Protein backbone atom coordinates (compact mmCIF):
# COMPACT_ATOMS: atom_id res chain seq x y z
CA UNK A 1 95.16 131.30 94.83
CA UNK A 2 94.59 127.49 95.61
CA UNK A 3 93.00 125.38 93.21
CA UNK A 4 88.97 124.84 93.90
CA UNK A 5 87.20 121.84 92.56
CA UNK A 6 83.80 120.56 92.62
CA UNK A 7 82.67 117.63 94.65
CA UNK A 8 82.53 115.65 91.62
CA UNK A 9 86.01 116.80 90.53
CA UNK A 10 87.27 115.90 93.83
CA UNK A 11 86.03 112.34 93.75
CA UNK A 12 86.92 111.57 90.18
CA UNK A 13 89.82 112.36 87.80
CA UNK A 14 90.38 110.93 84.16
CA UNK A 15 87.33 108.40 85.33
CA UNK A 16 89.01 107.46 88.65
CA UNK A 17 88.06 107.94 91.96
CA UNK A 18 90.98 110.17 93.55
CA UNK A 19 92.63 108.47 96.44
CA UNK A 20 91.77 109.23 100.04
CA UNK A 21 94.03 111.40 101.46
CA UNK A 22 95.42 110.97 105.20
CA UNK A 23 95.39 113.92 107.65
CA UNK A 24 99.39 114.14 107.03
CA UNK A 25 98.91 114.61 103.30
CA UNK A 26 96.58 117.20 103.50
CA UNK A 27 98.78 119.48 105.56
CA UNK A 28 101.16 121.13 103.09
CA UNK A 29 104.17 123.65 103.79
CA UNK A 30 105.21 124.93 100.38
CA UNK A 31 108.20 126.98 102.10
CA UNK A 32 109.55 124.06 104.18
CA UNK A 33 109.16 121.77 101.08
CA UNK A 34 111.16 124.10 98.87
CA UNK A 35 113.81 124.12 101.47
CA UNK A 36 114.39 120.29 101.26
CA UNK A 37 117.97 119.78 100.58
CA UNK A 38 118.98 118.94 97.05
CA UNK A 39 121.05 115.78 96.14
CA UNK A 40 124.66 115.85 95.56
CA UNK A 41 125.94 114.05 92.25
CA UNK A 42 129.76 113.91 93.02
CA UNK A 43 129.70 111.68 96.11
CA UNK A 44 128.65 107.87 96.17
CA UNK A 45 125.66 108.49 97.92
CA UNK A 46 123.25 111.61 97.13
CA UNK A 47 122.67 112.75 100.44
CA UNK A 48 124.64 112.39 103.95
CA UNK A 49 127.12 109.46 103.68
CA UNK A 50 126.99 108.88 107.33
CA UNK A 51 123.23 109.25 107.86
CA UNK A 52 122.38 107.08 104.69
CA UNK A 53 124.61 104.15 105.68
CA UNK A 54 123.09 104.39 109.28
CA UNK A 55 119.84 104.39 107.86
CA UNK A 56 120.04 101.37 105.49
CA UNK A 57 122.04 99.34 108.00
CA UNK A 58 118.94 99.76 110.47
CA UNK A 59 116.69 99.19 107.69
CA UNK A 60 118.17 95.70 107.12
CA UNK A 61 117.92 95.09 110.52
CA UNK A 62 114.27 95.84 111.16
CA UNK A 63 113.36 93.89 107.86
CA UNK A 64 114.96 90.88 108.87
CA UNK A 65 112.50 90.97 111.86
CA UNK A 66 109.65 91.87 109.80
CA UNK A 67 109.78 89.36 107.23
CA UNK A 68 109.90 85.81 107.69
CA UNK A 69 111.48 84.92 104.49
CA UNK A 70 112.91 87.11 101.82
CA UNK A 71 113.69 86.29 98.27
CA UNK A 72 114.79 87.94 94.95
CA UNK A 73 115.12 86.91 91.32
CA UNK A 74 116.32 89.15 88.43
CA UNK A 75 116.05 88.30 84.68
CA UNK A 76 119.74 90.15 83.86
CA UNK A 77 122.61 91.75 85.83
CA UNK A 78 121.06 94.77 87.58
CA UNK A 79 124.01 97.22 86.99
CA UNK A 80 125.20 98.69 83.75
CA UNK A 81 128.71 100.44 84.06
CA UNK A 82 127.83 104.04 84.85
CA UNK A 83 124.18 103.90 83.67
CA UNK A 84 121.31 104.94 86.10
CA UNK A 85 118.38 103.23 86.70
CA UNK A 86 114.58 103.85 87.08
CA UNK A 87 112.81 101.09 89.19
CA UNK A 88 109.33 100.93 88.57
CA UNK A 89 106.73 98.49 90.38
CA UNK A 90 103.08 98.40 91.53
CA UNK A 91 102.53 100.04 94.62
CA UNK A 92 100.43 98.22 97.72
CA UNK A 93 102.41 98.46 100.51
CA UNK A 94 103.55 101.92 101.62
CA UNK A 95 107.15 102.66 102.58
CA UNK A 96 107.79 98.78 102.26
CA UNK A 97 107.53 98.70 98.82
CA UNK A 98 110.64 101.31 97.93
CA UNK A 99 112.39 99.91 100.70
CA UNK A 100 112.41 96.31 99.18
CA UNK A 101 114.03 97.63 96.21
CA UNK A 102 116.26 100.02 98.03
CA UNK A 103 117.58 96.94 100.07
CA UNK A 104 118.13 94.62 97.10
CA UNK A 105 119.15 96.78 94.23
CA UNK A 106 122.90 97.29 94.54
CA UNK A 107 122.92 100.92 93.35
CA UNK A 108 122.40 104.01 95.84
CA UNK A 109 119.33 105.78 95.22
CA UNK A 110 117.97 109.36 94.82
CA UNK A 111 114.53 109.37 96.41
CA UNK A 112 111.50 111.05 95.38
CA UNK A 113 108.30 110.65 97.61
CA UNK A 114 105.02 111.96 98.91
CA UNK A 115 105.48 115.50 100.25
CA UNK A 116 104.73 115.02 103.81
CA UNK A 117 107.24 112.32 104.20
CA UNK A 118 109.80 115.26 104.11
CA UNK A 119 107.99 117.45 106.80
CA UNK A 120 106.66 115.02 109.40
CA UNK A 121 108.50 115.23 112.58
CA UNK A 122 111.47 112.28 113.14
CA UNK A 123 110.78 110.85 109.71
CA UNK A 124 111.23 114.23 108.13
CA UNK A 125 114.57 115.02 109.70
CA UNK A 126 115.78 111.75 108.24
CA UNK A 127 114.19 111.83 104.97
CA UNK A 128 115.92 115.62 104.49
CA UNK A 129 119.27 113.75 105.55
CA UNK A 130 118.72 111.33 102.71
CA UNK A 131 117.82 114.14 100.27
CA UNK A 132 114.48 112.95 99.70
CA UNK A 133 112.66 115.05 97.23
CA UNK A 134 109.09 115.92 97.66
CA UNK A 135 106.33 115.69 95.11
CA UNK A 136 102.77 116.99 95.20
CA UNK A 137 100.35 114.44 93.83
CA UNK A 138 97.14 115.41 91.67
CA UNK A 139 95.03 114.32 94.72
CA UNK A 140 96.71 117.14 96.93
CA UNK A 141 96.44 119.76 94.22
CA UNK A 142 92.81 118.98 93.04
CA UNK A 143 91.66 119.08 96.76
CA UNK A 144 93.37 122.58 97.03
CA UNK A 145 96.68 121.73 99.03
CA UNK A 146 98.70 124.15 97.24
CA UNK A 147 98.25 126.48 93.83
CA UNK A 148 98.86 124.87 90.69
CA UNK A 149 101.99 127.16 90.17
CA UNK A 150 103.71 125.98 93.47
CA UNK A 151 102.97 122.42 92.54
CA UNK A 152 104.43 122.80 89.16
CA UNK A 153 107.46 124.59 90.53
CA UNK A 154 108.04 122.00 93.26
CA UNK A 155 107.46 119.00 91.09
CA UNK A 156 109.76 120.33 88.19
CA UNK A 157 112.39 121.29 90.94
CA UNK A 158 112.09 117.46 92.39
CA UNK A 159 111.90 115.36 89.25
CA UNK A 160 114.82 117.48 87.76
CA UNK A 161 116.93 116.55 90.96
CA UNK A 162 115.82 112.87 90.38
CA UNK A 163 116.67 112.95 86.69
CA UNK A 164 119.96 114.54 87.50
CA UNK A 165 120.85 111.56 89.81
CA UNK A 166 119.77 109.01 87.53
CA UNK A 167 121.91 110.52 84.46
CA UNK A 168 124.92 110.49 87.17
CA UNK A 169 124.18 106.80 87.46
CA UNK A 170 122.29 106.48 90.56
CA UNK A 171 119.22 104.36 90.93
CA UNK A 172 115.74 105.81 91.58
CA UNK A 173 112.21 104.26 92.40
CA UNK A 174 109.18 105.93 91.02
CA UNK A 175 105.67 104.12 91.00
CA UNK A 176 103.67 104.74 87.86
CA UNK A 177 100.28 104.45 89.72
CA UNK A 178 101.22 107.29 92.01
CA UNK A 179 99.68 106.18 95.06
CA UNK A 180 99.74 102.90 97.16
CA UNK A 181 96.56 101.12 97.14
CA UNK A 182 94.53 97.84 97.82
CA UNK A 183 93.58 96.60 94.14
CA UNK A 184 94.50 93.20 93.32
CA UNK A 185 95.91 94.77 89.80
CA UNK A 186 97.71 97.75 88.82
CA UNK A 187 95.68 100.88 88.66
CA UNK A 188 95.81 103.76 85.83
CA UNK A 189 99.63 104.65 85.06
CA UNK A 190 100.88 108.13 85.40
CA UNK A 191 103.56 109.73 83.39
CA UNK A 192 105.82 111.04 86.24
CA UNK A 193 108.15 108.29 86.14
CA UNK A 194 108.65 107.94 82.15
CA UNK A 195 109.10 111.71 82.01
CA UNK A 196 111.58 111.57 84.79
CA UNK A 197 114.01 108.61 83.07
CA UNK A 198 113.43 110.49 79.56
CA UNK A 199 114.72 114.08 81.14
CA UNK A 200 117.64 111.62 82.62
CA UNK A 201 118.38 110.21 79.32
CA UNK A 202 118.58 113.96 77.81
CA UNK A 203 120.91 115.09 80.51
CA UNK A 204 123.14 111.65 80.17
CA UNK A 205 123.19 112.23 76.72
CA UNK A 206 124.17 116.00 76.87
CA UNK A 207 126.93 114.95 79.56
CA UNK A 208 128.17 112.14 77.23
CA UNK A 209 127.20 109.53 79.93
CA UNK A 210 125.62 106.13 79.66
CA UNK A 211 121.76 106.37 78.97
CA UNK A 212 119.71 105.05 82.12
CA UNK A 213 117.50 102.21 81.70
CA UNK A 214 113.93 101.34 83.03
CA UNK A 215 113.60 98.11 85.36
CA UNK A 216 110.32 96.74 86.08
CA UNK A 217 109.90 95.23 89.51
CA UNK A 218 107.38 92.69 90.73
CA UNK A 219 106.72 93.39 94.63
CA UNK A 220 105.08 90.14 96.25
CA UNK A 221 103.62 89.73 99.50
CA UNK A 222 102.07 86.64 100.98
CA UNK A 223 99.81 89.12 103.41
CA UNK A 224 101.07 92.51 103.29
CA UNK A 225 99.62 93.53 106.42
CA UNK A 226 101.05 91.01 108.75
CA UNK A 227 103.79 90.74 110.62
CA UNK A 228 106.62 88.07 109.77
CA UNK A 229 105.00 87.72 106.26
CA UNK A 230 107.01 86.43 103.34
CA UNK A 231 108.34 88.72 100.44
CA UNK A 232 109.78 88.14 97.03
CA UNK A 233 111.36 90.88 95.20
CA UNK A 234 111.27 90.10 91.25
CA UNK A 235 113.67 92.25 88.99
CA UNK A 236 112.67 92.10 85.41
CA UNK A 237 114.39 92.31 82.17
CA UNK A 238 115.37 96.30 81.91
CA UNK A 239 113.89 98.41 79.16
CA UNK A 240 116.76 100.17 77.38
CA UNK A 241 116.59 103.64 76.30
CA UNK A 242 118.12 104.50 72.70
CA UNK A 243 119.59 107.68 71.48
CA UNK A 244 116.75 108.00 68.89
CA UNK A 245 114.04 108.05 71.75
CA UNK A 246 115.59 111.36 73.19
CA UNK A 247 114.86 114.48 70.84
CA UNK A 248 117.83 116.68 69.98
CA UNK A 249 115.75 119.71 71.44
CA UNK A 250 115.70 118.13 75.03
CA UNK A 251 119.60 117.53 74.96
CA UNK A 252 120.08 121.22 73.57
CA UNK A 253 117.92 122.36 76.32
CA UNK A 254 119.58 120.73 79.39
CA UNK A 255 123.03 121.39 77.79
CA UNK A 256 122.17 125.01 78.14
CA UNK A 257 120.98 124.64 81.64
CA UNK A 258 117.14 124.74 80.61
CA UNK A 259 114.37 122.27 80.47
CA UNK A 260 111.90 121.09 78.29
CA UNK A 261 109.37 118.59 78.66
CA UNK A 262 109.85 115.41 76.59
CA UNK A 263 107.22 114.60 73.74
CA UNK A 264 104.30 113.31 74.93
CA UNK A 265 104.19 110.72 72.22
CA UNK A 266 107.62 109.24 73.63
CA UNK A 267 106.44 109.35 77.09
CA UNK A 268 103.32 107.43 76.16
CA UNK A 269 105.62 104.83 74.17
CA UNK A 270 107.82 104.45 77.04
CA UNK A 271 104.84 104.10 79.53
CA UNK A 272 103.21 101.44 76.85
CA UNK A 273 106.26 99.57 76.75
CA UNK A 274 106.36 99.39 80.77
CA UNK A 275 102.65 98.73 80.52
CA UNK A 276 102.98 95.55 78.60
CA UNK A 277 105.47 94.12 81.02
CA UNK A 278 104.66 95.09 84.72
CA UNK A 279 100.90 93.97 85.03
CA UNK A 280 102.07 90.30 84.45
CA UNK A 281 104.67 90.66 87.43
CA UNK A 282 101.93 91.43 89.74
CA UNK A 283 98.84 89.36 91.02
CA UNK A 284 96.82 91.07 87.97
CA UNK A 285 93.65 89.36 89.55
CA UNK A 286 90.17 91.05 89.36
CA UNK A 287 89.91 90.27 92.96
CA UNK A 288 92.14 89.15 95.92
CA UNK A 289 89.52 86.35 96.20
CA UNK A 290 90.23 85.46 92.59
CA UNK A 291 94.09 85.79 93.59
CA UNK A 292 93.43 83.40 96.60
CA UNK A 293 91.72 80.80 94.13
CA UNK A 294 94.92 80.79 91.70
CA UNK A 295 97.39 80.27 94.54
CA UNK A 296 95.18 77.20 95.69
CA UNK A 297 95.10 75.72 92.16
CA UNK A 298 98.92 76.07 92.20
CA UNK A 299 99.23 74.19 95.47
CA UNK A 300 96.46 71.57 94.26
CA UNK A 301 98.50 71.23 90.94
CA UNK A 302 101.90 70.53 92.95
CA UNK A 303 100.12 68.05 94.84
CA UNK A 304 98.68 66.08 92.23
CA UNK A 305 102.40 65.99 90.76
CA UNK A 306 103.68 64.63 94.47
CA UNK A 307 105.41 67.84 94.82
CA UNK A 308 105.31 71.13 97.23
CA UNK A 309 105.53 74.61 96.63
CA UNK A 310 108.00 75.19 99.77
CA UNK A 311 108.76 78.99 99.19
CA UNK A 312 106.72 81.88 98.52
CA UNK A 313 108.44 82.57 95.25
CA UNK A 314 107.81 79.08 93.79
CA UNK A 315 104.36 79.56 94.92
CA UNK A 316 104.22 83.11 93.05
CA UNK A 317 105.54 81.62 89.67
CA UNK A 318 103.50 78.79 89.89
CA UNK A 319 100.30 80.73 90.25
CA UNK A 320 101.21 82.86 87.39
CA UNK A 321 101.88 80.17 85.32
CA UNK A 322 98.27 78.96 85.98
CA UNK A 323 97.04 82.28 85.84
CA UNK A 324 98.53 82.95 82.16
CA UNK A 325 97.45 79.54 80.81
CA UNK A 326 93.88 80.47 81.90
CA UNK A 327 93.66 83.80 80.81
CA UNK A 328 95.19 82.42 77.14
CA UNK A 329 97.63 85.44 76.88
CA UNK A 330 95.27 87.97 77.01
CA UNK A 331 96.64 91.30 78.01
CA UNK A 332 93.44 93.18 79.72
CA UNK A 333 94.16 95.89 81.81
CA UNK A 334 92.51 95.64 84.49
CA UNK A 335 91.99 91.90 83.92
CA UNK A 336 88.51 90.60 83.43
CA UNK A 337 87.15 88.33 86.27
CA UNK A 338 87.93 84.71 85.80
CA UNK A 339 84.96 82.52 85.36
CA UNK A 340 84.05 78.60 84.64
CA UNK A 341 83.21 75.66 87.08
CA UNK A 342 86.72 74.79 87.68
CA UNK A 343 87.54 78.41 88.86
CA UNK A 344 84.31 78.41 91.04
CA UNK A 345 85.25 74.93 92.69
CA UNK A 346 88.83 76.85 93.53
CA UNK A 347 87.42 79.67 94.94
CA UNK A 348 85.26 77.83 97.04
CA UNK A 349 88.11 75.57 98.59
CA UNK A 350 90.22 78.61 99.11
CA UNK A 351 87.49 80.67 100.74
CA UNK A 352 87.01 77.64 103.20
CA UNK A 353 90.66 77.56 103.99
CA UNK A 354 90.89 81.52 104.32
CA UNK A 355 87.87 81.39 106.75
CA UNK A 356 90.19 79.36 109.09
CA UNK A 357 93.12 81.53 108.41
CA UNK A 358 94.73 78.99 106.15
CA UNK A 359 95.83 78.60 102.62
CA UNK A 360 97.17 76.19 99.97
CA UNK A 361 100.31 75.58 101.99
CA UNK A 362 98.20 73.52 104.64
CA UNK A 363 96.98 70.90 101.94
CA UNK A 364 98.13 67.30 102.57
CA UNK A 365 99.89 65.13 99.99
CA UNK A 366 98.08 63.46 97.46
CA UNK A 367 95.45 61.05 99.31
CA UNK A 368 95.39 63.42 102.35
CA UNK A 369 93.07 66.44 102.64
CA UNK A 370 95.04 68.46 105.13
CA UNK A 371 98.65 67.83 106.34
CA UNK A 372 99.54 66.80 109.48
CA UNK A 373 101.81 68.62 112.14
CA UNK A 374 105.16 67.99 111.50
CA UNK A 375 106.58 66.85 114.77
CA UNK A 376 110.35 66.79 113.54
CA UNK A 377 110.04 70.64 113.95
CA UNK A 378 108.78 70.51 117.76
CA UNK A 379 112.67 70.62 119.15
CA UNK A 380 113.35 73.77 116.99
CA UNK A 381 110.04 75.36 118.08
CA UNK A 382 110.79 74.32 122.05
CA UNK A 383 114.28 75.93 121.65
CA UNK A 384 112.92 79.06 120.11
CA UNK A 385 110.44 79.71 122.79
CA UNK A 386 113.17 79.02 125.50
CA UNK A 387 115.49 81.63 123.44
CA UNK A 388 112.65 84.12 123.80
CA UNK A 389 111.82 83.30 127.56
CA UNK A 390 115.46 83.67 128.66
CA UNK A 391 115.44 86.99 126.91
CA UNK A 392 112.06 87.83 127.77
CA UNK A 393 112.90 90.86 130.48
CA UNK A 394 115.03 92.59 127.85
CA UNK A 395 112.44 92.09 124.98
CA UNK A 396 109.70 93.49 127.22
CA UNK A 397 111.65 96.95 128.35
CA UNK A 398 113.24 97.38 124.80
CA UNK A 399 110.56 96.16 122.32
CA UNK A 400 107.33 96.78 124.44
CA UNK A 401 106.94 100.35 123.59
CA UNK A 402 107.54 100.00 119.86
CA UNK A 403 105.24 96.99 119.73
CA UNK A 404 102.46 98.85 121.51
CA UNK A 405 102.87 102.07 119.20
CA UNK A 406 103.30 100.01 115.94
CA UNK A 407 100.24 98.49 116.65
CA UNK A 408 98.05 101.06 117.77
CA UNK A 409 99.27 103.37 114.76
CA UNK A 410 98.88 100.51 112.45
CA UNK A 411 95.39 99.51 113.43
CA UNK A 412 94.18 103.32 113.71
CA UNK A 413 95.80 104.72 110.70
CA UNK A 414 93.56 106.81 108.21
CA UNK A 415 95.86 105.84 105.11
CA UNK A 416 94.34 102.11 104.67
CA UNK A 417 95.59 98.64 105.19
CA UNK A 418 98.30 99.43 102.66
CA UNK A 419 100.13 101.46 105.23
CA UNK A 420 99.75 99.25 108.26
CA UNK A 421 103.34 97.73 107.90
CA UNK A 422 104.82 100.93 107.12
CA UNK A 423 103.82 102.22 110.82
CA UNK A 424 105.00 99.25 112.28
CA UNK A 425 108.40 99.50 110.61
CA UNK A 426 108.72 103.13 111.73
CA UNK A 427 108.01 102.41 115.06
CA UNK A 428 110.44 99.48 115.28
CA UNK A 429 113.05 101.81 113.49
CA UNK A 430 112.78 105.16 115.52
CA UNK A 431 111.91 103.40 118.79
CA UNK A 432 115.52 101.48 118.57
CA UNK A 433 116.86 104.97 118.01
CA UNK A 434 114.91 106.68 120.76
CA UNK A 435 113.85 104.08 123.38
CA UNK A 436 117.11 101.70 123.48
CA UNK A 437 119.55 104.40 124.73
CA UNK A 438 117.25 105.04 127.63
CA UNK A 439 116.52 101.38 128.27
CA UNK A 440 120.30 100.60 128.04
CA UNK A 441 121.03 103.33 130.62
CA UNK A 442 118.19 101.57 132.87
CA UNK A 443 119.83 98.10 132.63
CA UNK A 444 123.28 99.58 133.19
CA UNK A 445 122.10 101.72 136.19
CA UNK A 446 120.29 98.28 137.64
CA UNK A 447 123.68 96.50 136.93
CA UNK A 448 125.67 98.95 139.25
CA UNK A 449 123.05 98.73 142.05
CA UNK A 450 122.63 94.65 141.99
CA UNK A 451 126.62 94.22 141.08
CA UNK A 452 127.21 92.15 144.71
CA UNK A 453 124.00 89.99 143.77
CA UNK A 454 125.44 89.49 140.48
CA UNK A 455 128.72 88.48 141.72
CA UNK A 456 127.52 86.30 144.26
CA UNK A 457 124.95 84.33 141.80
CA UNK A 458 127.79 83.95 139.15
CA UNK A 459 130.45 83.25 141.45
CA UNK A 460 132.24 86.05 140.37
CA UNK A 461 134.85 88.55 142.12
CA UNK A 462 133.23 91.73 143.94
CA UNK A 463 135.47 93.66 141.72
CA UNK A 464 134.23 92.08 138.28
CA UNK A 465 133.55 95.44 136.91
CA UNK A 466 136.76 96.45 137.15
CA UNK A 467 137.92 93.76 134.87
CA UNK A 468 141.50 94.62 133.22
CA UNK A 469 142.43 96.53 136.12
CA UNK A 470 140.17 99.56 134.91
CA UNK A 471 138.06 101.51 136.87
CA UNK A 472 134.14 100.49 137.28
CA UNK A 473 133.02 103.26 134.89
CA UNK A 474 134.84 101.36 131.93
CA UNK A 475 132.75 98.34 132.92
CA UNK A 476 129.72 100.20 133.11
CA UNK A 477 130.28 101.59 129.65
CA UNK A 478 131.09 98.07 128.27
CA UNK A 479 127.86 97.04 130.06
CA UNK A 480 126.04 100.05 128.33
CA UNK A 481 127.23 99.05 125.04
CA UNK A 482 126.74 95.35 125.49
CA UNK A 483 123.00 96.18 125.86
CA UNK A 484 122.44 97.00 122.26
CA UNK A 485 123.20 93.48 120.93
CA UNK A 486 121.16 91.93 123.56
CA UNK A 487 118.08 94.08 122.46
CA UNK A 488 118.55 92.93 118.99
CA UNK A 489 119.00 89.32 119.92
CA UNK A 490 115.77 89.68 121.95
CA UNK A 491 113.95 91.11 118.88
CA UNK A 492 115.01 87.87 116.95
CA UNK A 493 114.04 85.56 119.43
CA UNK A 494 110.79 87.43 119.81
CA UNK A 495 110.20 86.87 115.76
CA UNK A 496 111.29 83.07 116.02
CA UNK A 497 109.00 82.41 118.80
CA UNK A 498 106.32 84.24 117.05
CA UNK A 499 106.95 81.85 114.00
CA UNK A 500 106.64 78.78 116.28
CA UNK A 501 103.47 79.90 117.71
CA UNK A 502 101.70 80.57 114.20
CA UNK A 503 103.02 77.21 112.92
CA UNK A 504 101.58 75.50 116.33
CA UNK A 505 98.24 77.60 115.96
CA UNK A 506 97.81 76.40 112.30
CA UNK A 507 98.44 72.87 113.00
CA UNK A 508 95.87 73.03 115.90
CA UNK A 509 93.51 74.61 113.30
CA UNK A 510 94.10 71.67 110.96
CA UNK A 511 93.52 69.31 113.86
CA UNK A 512 90.19 70.73 114.71
CA UNK A 513 88.94 70.75 111.10
CA UNK A 514 85.25 69.57 111.29
CA UNK A 515 84.34 66.52 109.33
CA UNK A 516 81.96 68.21 107.41
CA UNK A 517 84.43 70.95 106.21
CA UNK A 518 87.02 68.28 105.55
CA UNK A 519 84.67 66.42 103.53
CA UNK A 520 83.73 69.66 101.50
CA UNK A 521 87.34 70.37 101.05
CA UNK A 522 88.12 66.98 99.94
CA UNK A 523 85.15 66.87 97.17
CA UNK A 524 86.25 70.44 95.97
CA UNK A 525 89.76 69.23 95.36
CA UNK A 526 88.84 65.88 94.04
CA UNK A 527 86.97 68.00 91.34
CA UNK A 528 89.97 70.10 90.55
CA UNK A 529 92.05 67.22 90.06
CA UNK A 530 91.16 66.62 86.35
């Protein structure tokens, strides 16, 4: 019998509102979930080697178009010989969060994910090839998606599979918050990742393998919901697990093929270790308005020192330095709101820029309120536009459907702003798989019927499709294959043209700033300077 809860219990659990479930998350087919393939541990990847490599190759191609800049940093080397790694970060950007870690950590990963990612059309087919393990969250259980016994059985099966993968040296990503959200700080930590890594340590100890470690990961997006935003992936100092942390009862249980939960005190000890580190690697602000004010203060300080914060990574670290000095090292969780005259001025200036779609990057050097347009970049912008226009027919036919679907799904999703770019990414990923072969066939057919016109225009031989003495069929196959890199280049040209358009629009906005607003911004910056 499914769990039934009152309206009050449905809204609150442990003093917190439960996340709003999407229509997809409410649909649960327990038989299909239990049929999800388990990972294999004797191969270099836990799922299908072919489909895993294809999936990640494509993910890298799509990510390079979706993000304008990507940077990473790490405190220490990310791999220990033979040891598994549990990566934990805060979770505000849906599928883009685990993907950022997958693509920039050197290990192959065993993957646990929300249950519906394994049963959805198209996406579910692929996640099963990657041996993704479904997990039922507390929100689904409390709302009656399945019985408690079914949830315990499925989650136990999935967590044991993930633990085995980590013990055998794979990486894993689990988010301690348990759900993607839109807060400017971390929310309550769940115990799943810590129980999993402790179970993995017990398995490793029983098999004589190196103990896994826990890696805190900071995931930073300039504007997570926008196309061509900036991302910074920050790998922190790994937390090492010691032999003393793993009770002998756990080791003996897994050695005999059984299972026992790690001691609650040990789980909380590991959780509290991460809780003391990870929030500092996030915005950790009371509100997004406060976060914008801190970033503006970082730019204002750099401006005062005669410098510029030229990268998103530098901006994140500079804003963190101001935040930490402002809070005087206080480790509140969640953080208390900042206050004071200086902060109020910074907040007012940041919101003035935000109202025009600008931020601290658009401040001018010392003595100038807003920076002028960089005319030296005009030739590059013009070339980007010309490159895009040259490939426009290919861009429209190969990308138009994906862009339209991604925009519609991203803007109409019931999963919140944190899922917007996930839908756009999936539209680009699956659109390339499903649409490009059809579009390539269209262009190949068009080439065949227009072969005489092409020969006349390019001043080629009438038998140009028979190059090398082969039949025209070989030439058409070559044209078909050649379409795919052309489609890819058209996507890159669209991204570069979009960058040029955004930069031009922002330069125009700065030029059109009213005298009154410019004076107000200048006064606020003057008051910030001391």
